[in-house]
Amino acid sequence: MGLNNERARRTDEAQTSRARHRPQTLKAAGVALAGLSAVFLLEMLDNSILNVALPTIGRELDASTTELQWVTGAYAVVFGGLMLLFSAIADRFGRRRVMLVGLTLLALASASTALVTTPEQLIAVRAVVGIAAAMTTPGSLALAFRLFDEESLRVRALTLISTVGLVGLAVGPTVGGFILAFAPWQVLLLINVPIAILAFIGIRVGVANDLPEELHRDPLDVPGALLGTATIVLTLVAPTLFVDEGIGSWTPWAASAGAVGAAALFVVRERTARYPLLDLELVALPLVSSGLAYKAASGLAIAGLGYMVTLQLQFAWGWPPALASIGMLPQVIVLLFGGRLVGPFLRVVGMNRAAWMSAAAVVLGLAVFAVGSRFGYVWIAFALVLVAAGMRIVGVVAGTNVMTGLPENRTTIGAALVDTSSQVATGVGIAVTGTILAALFTGDISSSAWSADQAASFQTGVTVAGFAVTALAAVLVLFGMLRARSGRGAL
């Protein structure tokens, strides 16, 4: 009894000390927020700047449609598949420690891009970058959330971090397009190296080590982690196999059956394990499940739109990279200057209503692209504005809701849930759009000259893929609305 009382006393003292030294303003946490913002910038800039380089990569590396799809898809698959595992490790061994190791790996993997000469090598590098991102990204949200006690400061901190990341997402295509005009495409991915170094320094200096009392020592659920990763990977690989091998081959059917089986075993494992990797009862909480649904819907739409707009402008319309980057300016403008409206919008409509409205705007933007992209650039610009406006809000709201609805010693796993839902949805969006385009387009998509039939088949593929992803995202938004409504009814 005396030992337990002493432990409780030390825990209370540690928590009081940490609370006493927690910053009371954003400025006081400036170094930490700079490092955490750089981590999110890495994720968003890396994705957006790579999209504008895809046509150039396809031509220089002689990549097929499927290989071009997996240049982006490999990152999303590995990132989404491993995030829960690394977040569980971080909750046990230290969020700051795992993040610093991940940043080191990310810098080394990005630097190796300079040695790439084949599509297979680039896909492998992107997979390693995905591993590093799985170690770093969830921690940025978790550590930022834990920097402050007040919800208003937490929301402002998450808004600041998301703003920096969205700036990277916004300016990435524009900057990338101009860089491609005079430099090799490898330079675009080498940009990750100095940003990773800056992030490492900011977190190393500005973020304190986790206290032992803030971590938990439950055994790691390795079987659950393996089953979860297998489910995600097989789910994303199966559609590509159906196109490459055909429905008459056993390979895609085996992958599909494996995905279903792994998912079923994962659920059974997490329901019966004494120390599950993912407590399914926490995921089922209305505030958590609705936030994850909104985040997944936006991830689907953003991935599908970004992938298809890049191919539409450069492949179908023949725009050079610099002009295509200018074509992304409507999105850039909204992302850069819409931040001032986030706070007032949340105060007027409330967190719950803002979540579904912003997610719906993202889905509507994708639908506008699917319907109107064949009629000219103005429709693409309108779609980019709608998606950017929704993105500006949904990330902050969904992340705050999920983190608020979870226990404090599960903050990193909560952040991983947010990012996993987004990254898996991103992988699904790329897989769906890439698979449909590969199935409907005849010939080499990276060739410099298309026939009239190829141009028509591409436009058909874009329309079909756009509607398919729109439908999936709309279902997720509807589910999120219903879960949020049930949560309010329970209060």
Foldseek 3Di string as FASTA:
>chain_A
DVVVVVVVVVVVVVVVVLQVPQDPACVVLVLQLLLLLLLLQLVQLLLQLVLLCLLVCCVQQVDFLVLSLLLNLLLLLLLLLCLLQLLLVCLAPWLLVLQLVLLVQLLVLLVCLVVDRHSVVSSVSSNSNSNSSSSHNLSSLLQLCPSHDDPVSSLVSLLVSVLSNLLSNQCSLQVSLVCVVPHDNSVSSNVSNVSSVSSSVSSVPRPDIDDNVLHDNDDRPVLLSVLSSLLLNLVLVLLVCCLVVNPVDCVSVVSVVSNVVSVVVNVVCLVPPPDHSDNVVLCLQLLNVLLLLLLLLLLLLVLLLSNLLSLCVCQLVNDRSNVSSVLSNLLSVCSNPVSVCQVVVCVVPNLLVLQLVLSVLSLVLLLLCLPCVVPDSVSPSSSSNSSSNSSSHNLSSSLSSQQVSDDSSSSSSSSSSSVSSSSSSSSVSSSLLSSLQSNQAPDGSSDRDDDPSRSVSNSVSSNVSSVVSSVVSVVSSVVSSVSNVVNVVVD
